[in-house]
Amino acid sequence: MLQGIANFFRQRFGKTEDHEQKLIITLEAFRNPDADTLDLIRRLIALVRPKNLKEGATGERQKALLARLQADPELLSAFRQHIVHFLATRRLVTFFTDSGILPGTGFFSEWWRILWNRILPEVPDERRLKDCLHVIYDRSDDWRWLEQQPAESSQQLWALLAPNEELRSIDWLSIQDQILDSVLLLAHRVSGLGVDSELMRAAPDFDENSPRFIALSAVSERSPSELVCI
């Protein structure tokens, strides 16, 4: 009976200490430069993820993470190197062109694709940032607690991750090329809307704007310096 009472109080009042200990252990793994960054981030997000929306609104777990990083400069440096190198070495095109954009397929085609994906999930490509985010945020309701995180905490986290001296070491040329490829791909998709039969059927005067859709594709193929001037 006494053991049961002790377990009750340990579960009720020992959660904060237990979480802090797990956070320390999880962050310490970032000190290893050869560790799998994707696995490290996945484990960290699983620990930072609140148990309910009420807890998520306070952002206490994220604040504990920030406090731990700020208190240990060496740990912050190792953490930053893992995150920045991870982002800089992923393939970004699908992240910019597919995330949050509905596909052009019909209702039944998309319904069948979703159903089949539930039965036989696709193997994520860890080279792509979009697939990595699905691995890290592997719960369908993760967006709820992410939306509730205080803006100040998120800004503070990115300030720690991306100071000016760290940004200078990134291969911006490769990232810029992927952004331009994404712009070109999206422009071609938008241009295709100019001759979409469904849109023409819904708006009788829609075909009068087709030249504008087509011109968008031509503009996107200009050089980066020309795009900046535009």
Protein backbone atom coordinates (compact mmCIF):
# COMPACT_ATOMS: atom_id res chain seq x y z
CA MET A 1 0.00 0.00 0.00
CA LEU A 2 2.80 2.42 0.91
CA GLN A 3 4.50 1.59 -2.37
CA GLY A 4 1.27 2.41 -4.21
CA ILE A 5 1.03 5.78 -2.47
CA ALA A 6 4.67 6.53 -3.30
CA ASN A 7 4.08 5.68 -6.95
CA PHE A 8 1.02 7.94 -6.99
CA PHE A 9 2.96 10.97 -5.72
CA ARG A 10 5.88 10.18 -8.01
CA GLN A 11 3.57 10.15 -11.03
CA ARG A 12 1.77 13.32 -9.93
CA PHE A 13 4.72 15.45 -8.91
CA GLY A 14 7.72 13.84 -10.58
CA LYS A 15 6.73 14.52 -14.19
CA THR A 16 8.63 17.80 -14.50
CA GLU A 17 11.86 16.32 -13.18
CA ASP A 18 11.46 13.25 -15.38
CA HIS A 19 10.87 15.38 -18.46
CA GLU A 20 13.87 17.58 -17.73
CA GLN A 21 16.08 14.51 -17.38
CA LYS A 22 14.85 13.12 -20.69
CA LEU A 23 15.44 16.50 -22.34
CA ILE A 24 19.03 16.58 -21.08
CA ILE A 25 19.71 13.06 -22.38
CA THR A 26 18.12 13.82 -25.76
CA LEU A 27 20.06 17.06 -26.24
CA GLU A 28 23.34 15.48 -25.14
CA ALA A 29 23.09 13.15 -28.14
CA PHE A 30 23.54 16.19 -30.40
CA ARG A 31 27.13 16.50 -29.21
CA ASN A 32 28.02 13.51 -31.38
CA PRO A 33 28.78 14.93 -34.86
CA ASP A 34 28.32 11.50 -36.46
CA ALA A 35 24.83 10.92 -35.04
CA ASP A 36 21.84 10.61 -37.36
CA THR A 37 20.37 14.14 -37.33
CA LEU A 38 16.94 13.05 -38.54
CA ASP A 39 16.62 10.57 -35.69
CA LEU A 40 17.86 13.15 -33.19
CA ILE A 41 15.27 15.71 -34.33
CA ARG A 42 12.49 13.12 -34.34
CA ARG A 43 13.28 12.14 -30.77
CA LEU A 44 13.48 15.77 -29.68
CA ILE A 45 10.12 16.67 -31.23
CA ALA A 46 8.54 13.62 -29.59
CA LEU A 47 9.78 14.98 -26.27
CA VAL A 48 8.77 18.60 -26.90
CA ARG A 49 5.31 17.56 -28.16
CA PRO A 50 2.77 18.48 -25.43
CA LYS A 51 0.41 15.86 -24.03
CA ASN A 52 -2.65 18.01 -24.71
CA LEU A 53 -3.63 21.35 -26.24
CA LYS A 54 -3.91 23.03 -22.84
CA GLU A 55 -0.29 22.22 -22.08
CA GLY A 56 0.73 23.19 -25.62
CA ALA A 57 -0.73 26.70 -25.26
CA THR A 58 1.76 27.53 -22.49
CA GLY A 59 4.81 26.42 -24.49
CA GLU A 60 6.57 25.25 -21.32
CA ARG A 61 8.40 22.41 -23.02
CA GLN A 62 9.74 24.66 -25.76
CA LYS A 63 10.83 27.19 -23.13
CA ALA A 64 12.70 24.46 -21.28
CA LEU A 65 14.46 23.53 -24.51
CA LEU A 66 15.50 27.13 -25.16
CA ALA A 67 16.71 27.59 -21.60
CA ARG A 68 18.84 24.46 -21.81
CA LEU A 69 20.44 25.55 -25.10
CA GLN A 70 21.16 29.06 -23.87
CA ALA A 71 22.76 27.74 -20.68
CA ASP A 72 25.30 25.59 -22.57
CA PRO A 73 27.12 27.34 -25.48
CA GLU A 74 28.94 24.17 -26.53
CA LEU A 75 25.69 22.22 -26.69
CA LEU A 76 24.06 25.05 -28.63
CA SER A 77 26.91 25.03 -31.15
CA ALA A 78 26.62 21.26 -31.67
CA PHE A 79 22.83 21.49 -31.90
CA ARG A 80 23.06 24.32 -34.43
CA GLN A 81 25.57 22.48 -36.62
CA HIS A 82 23.31 19.45 -36.81
CA ILE A 83 20.18 21.46 -37.68
CA VAL A 84 21.77 23.88 -40.16
CA HIS A 85 23.70 21.15 -41.98
CA PHE A 86 20.56 19.01 -42.10
CA LEU A 87 18.47 21.77 -43.69
CA ALA A 88 21.23 22.81 -46.09
CA THR A 89 21.72 19.28 -47.43
CA ARG A 90 18.08 18.31 -48.06
CA ARG A 91 16.31 18.47 -51.40
CA LEU A 92 13.95 21.43 -51.16
CA VAL A 93 12.03 21.44 -54.45
CA THR A 94 9.13 19.24 -53.34
CA PHE A 95 8.91 21.19 -50.08
CA PHE A 96 8.39 24.45 -51.97
CA THR A 97 6.16 23.06 -54.72
CA ASP A 98 3.99 20.43 -53.00
CA SER A 99 3.60 21.38 -49.34
CA GLY A 100 0.17 22.82 -48.70
CA ILE A 101 -0.80 22.72 -52.39
CA LEU A 102 -3.67 20.51 -53.49
CA PRO A 103 -2.87 18.17 -56.39
CA GLY A 104 -4.56 18.59 -59.76
CA THR A 105 -6.11 15.12 -59.65
CA GLY A 106 -9.84 14.48 -59.35
CA PHE A 107 -11.71 13.67 -56.15
CA PHE A 108 -11.92 9.92 -56.63
CA SER A 109 -8.32 9.63 -57.84
CA GLU A 110 -7.07 11.48 -54.77
CA TRP A 111 -9.39 9.52 -52.46
CA TRP A 112 -8.04 6.24 -53.85
CA ARG A 113 -4.45 7.46 -53.48
CA ILE A 114 -5.02 8.38 -49.81
CA LEU A 115 -6.74 5.06 -49.12
CA TRP A 116 -3.99 3.05 -50.77
CA ASN A 117 -1.36 5.07 -48.91
CA ARG A 118 -3.01 4.07 -45.62
CA ILE A 119 -2.85 0.41 -46.62
CA LEU A 120 0.68 0.52 -48.02
CA PRO A 121 2.46 3.72 -46.90
CA GLU A 122 5.17 5.11 -49.13
CA VAL A 123 8.74 4.82 -47.90
CA PRO A 124 9.92 8.36 -47.09
CA ASP A 125 12.92 9.67 -49.00
CA GLU A 126 15.20 11.08 -46.32
CA ARG A 127 16.99 13.18 -48.92
CA ARG A 128 13.88 15.35 -49.30
CA LEU A 129 12.96 17.92 -46.67
CA LYS A 130 9.23 17.37 -47.19
CA ASP A 131 9.52 13.63 -46.45
CA CYS A 132 11.73 14.32 -43.44
CA LEU A 133 9.09 16.61 -41.97
CA HIS A 134 6.55 13.81 -42.28
CA VAL A 135 8.93 11.55 -40.34
CA ILE A 136 9.53 14.18 -37.64
CA TYR A 137 5.92 15.29 -37.27
CA ASP A 138 4.36 11.87 -37.59
CA ARG A 139 1.01 12.64 -35.94
CA SER A 140 -1.91 14.06 -37.88
CA ASP A 141 -2.70 16.59 -35.13
CA ASP A 142 0.82 17.99 -34.71
CA TRP A 143 -0.26 21.17 -36.45
CA ARG A 144 -2.58 21.95 -33.54
CA TRP A 145 0.11 22.32 -30.90
CA LEU A 146 2.55 23.90 -33.34
CA GLU A 147 -0.04 26.56 -34.09
CA GLN A 148 -0.37 27.29 -30.38
CA GLN A 149 3.33 27.83 -29.73
CA PRO A 150 4.12 31.41 -28.63
CA ALA A 151 5.59 33.45 -31.47
CA GLU A 152 8.32 34.78 -29.16
CA SER A 153 9.60 31.28 -28.43
CA SER A 154 9.71 30.35 -32.12
CA GLN A 155 11.55 33.56 -33.00
CA GLN A 156 14.01 32.95 -30.18
CA LEU A 157 14.66 29.42 -31.40
CA TRP A 158 15.41 30.55 -34.96
CA ALA A 159 17.62 33.34 -33.62
CA LEU A 160 19.68 30.71 -31.82
CA LEU A 161 19.82 28.43 -34.85
CA ALA A 162 20.64 31.00 -37.52
CA PRO A 163 22.99 33.76 -36.32
CA ASN A 164 24.80 35.72 -39.03
CA GLU A 165 28.13 33.93 -38.56
CA GLU A 166 26.46 30.53 -39.07
CA LEU A 167 24.56 31.61 -42.18
CA ARG A 168 27.82 32.53 -43.93
CA SER A 169 28.93 28.89 -43.93
CA ILE A 170 25.89 27.64 -45.88
CA ASP A 171 26.05 26.81 -49.59
CA TRP A 172 23.50 29.41 -50.62
CA LEU A 173 24.11 28.83 -54.34
CA SER A 174 22.67 25.31 -54.15
CA ILE A 175 19.68 26.51 -52.15
CA GLN A 176 19.11 29.40 -54.57
CA ASP A 177 19.14 27.01 -57.54
CA GLN A 178 16.51 24.83 -55.87
CA ILE A 179 14.33 27.87 -55.13
CA LEU A 180 14.55 28.99 -58.76
CA ASP A 181 13.70 25.46 -59.95
CA SER A 182 10.67 25.54 -57.65
CA VAL A 183 9.55 28.90 -59.05
CA LEU A 184 9.87 27.53 -62.59
CA LEU A 185 7.89 24.40 -61.73
CA LEU A 186 5.11 26.35 -60.03
CA ALA A 187 4.97 28.80 -62.95
CA HIS A 188 4.46 25.92 -65.40
CA ARG A 189 1.68 24.55 -63.22
CA VAL A 190 -0.04 27.93 -63.04
CA SER A 191 0.34 28.33 -66.81
CA GLY A 192 -1.47 25.04 -67.28
CA LEU A 193 -4.46 26.48 -65.42
CA GLY A 194 -4.91 28.94 -68.27
CA VAL A 195 -6.18 26.17 -70.53
CA ASP A 196 -7.92 24.09 -67.87
CA SER A 197 -11.30 23.01 -69.19
CA GLU A 198 -12.95 22.97 -65.76
CA LEU A 199 -11.99 26.58 -65.07
CA MET A 200 -13.15 27.66 -68.53
CA ARG A 201 -16.46 25.96 -67.93
CA ALA A 202 -16.89 27.68 -64.56
CA ALA A 203 -15.93 31.14 -65.89
CA PRO A 204 -16.92 31.82 -69.51
CA ASP A 205 -14.49 34.75 -69.81
CA PHE A 206 -11.59 32.83 -68.32
CA ASP A 207 -9.98 32.08 -71.70
CA GLU A 208 -9.41 35.81 -72.23
CA ASN A 209 -6.77 35.65 -69.48
CA SER A 210 -4.93 32.64 -70.97
CA PRO A 211 -2.09 34.80 -72.43
CA ARG A 212 -1.30 36.04 -68.92
CA PHE A 213 -0.97 32.50 -67.60
CA ILE A 214 1.29 31.53 -70.49
CA ALA A 215 3.39 34.69 -70.06
CA LEU A 216 4.06 33.74 -66.44
CA SER A 217 5.89 30.61 -67.57
CA ALA A 218 8.05 32.63 -69.97
CA VAL A 219 8.93 35.19 -67.28
CA SER A 220 9.98 32.48 -64.83
CA GLU A 221 12.60 31.23 -67.29
CA ARG A 222 14.52 34.50 -67.17
CA SER A 223 17.82 34.78 -65.33
CA PRO A 224 17.82 35.45 -61.55
CA SER A 225 19.07 39.02 -62.08
CA GLU A 226 16.18 39.74 -64.44
CA LEU A 227 13.68 38.30 -61.96
CA VAL A 228 15.03 40.58 -59.24
CA CYS A 229 14.55 43.60 -61.51
CA ILE A 230 10.96 42.55 -62.12
